[in-house]
Amino acid sequence: TVLFYHRIADYGRNDWTMSNRTFVRQMDWLRANFEMVSLEEAQHRIRTSDSTRPCVSITFDDGYADNCSKAVPYLIRSQIPCTYFVTLGNLISGEPFPHDAARGDAFLPNNLDQLKGMAAAGIEIGAHTRTHCDLGAVTEHRQLQDEVVTAGEELQQMIGKPVRYFAFPFGQYANLNPAAFHMAYDAGYEAVCSAYGG
């Protein structure tokens, strides 16, 4: 099972925010009942059906600065593998995500120093488009290429580590795009994730 989280914080509750206490309780329960594996290992086991114990892979979408307060340090200390998908445009601009701004929330995205620190500590950084757009609605080849491929290449240059995975924003069936899957494959991504499955 691949679980995805967004924002772990003790203020500004919404549908994609979980408290630090609840997050730690969940991780502790998962560690006691499942094997915690990287996305790479989960991908291997999915392909080969080679798993002797139920396992879980932890991922995050978007890239919220609040995650670096307690949640990410907890994962690092506990040696829980994690893949952290980042929206490049917000990383560069420092502006809140559009879905937060639309609700009047000004939650900050991660900055480059935070991402470099995570990557250096063993957190896998993945691409999550440039603008957190609905890729299911994108029909223009150049825009799709920029969101899926170019943004990932720029993120890789910025953090100085390989960016091997891509995750669709929103992730439901209507938000998927067959052309984006092909682009991701041709660009050398090792896997693509969505909330729907992919």
Foldseek 3Di string as FASTA:
>chain_A
DEDEAEAEDDDDDDPRYHHPVVLVVVVVVCVVQAAFDAPVVVVVCVVVVDDPGHYYYYEYPAAFPNCVPPPLVVCLVVVHAYEYEHQAQQQVVQFDAPVQVVVVHTGTGDHLVSVLVSVVSPHQYAYAFHRLDLQLPDDDPVRLCRGQAVSLVVNCVSNVHHHQEYEYRVQAPSSDDVVSVVSSVVNRRPYYYGPHGD
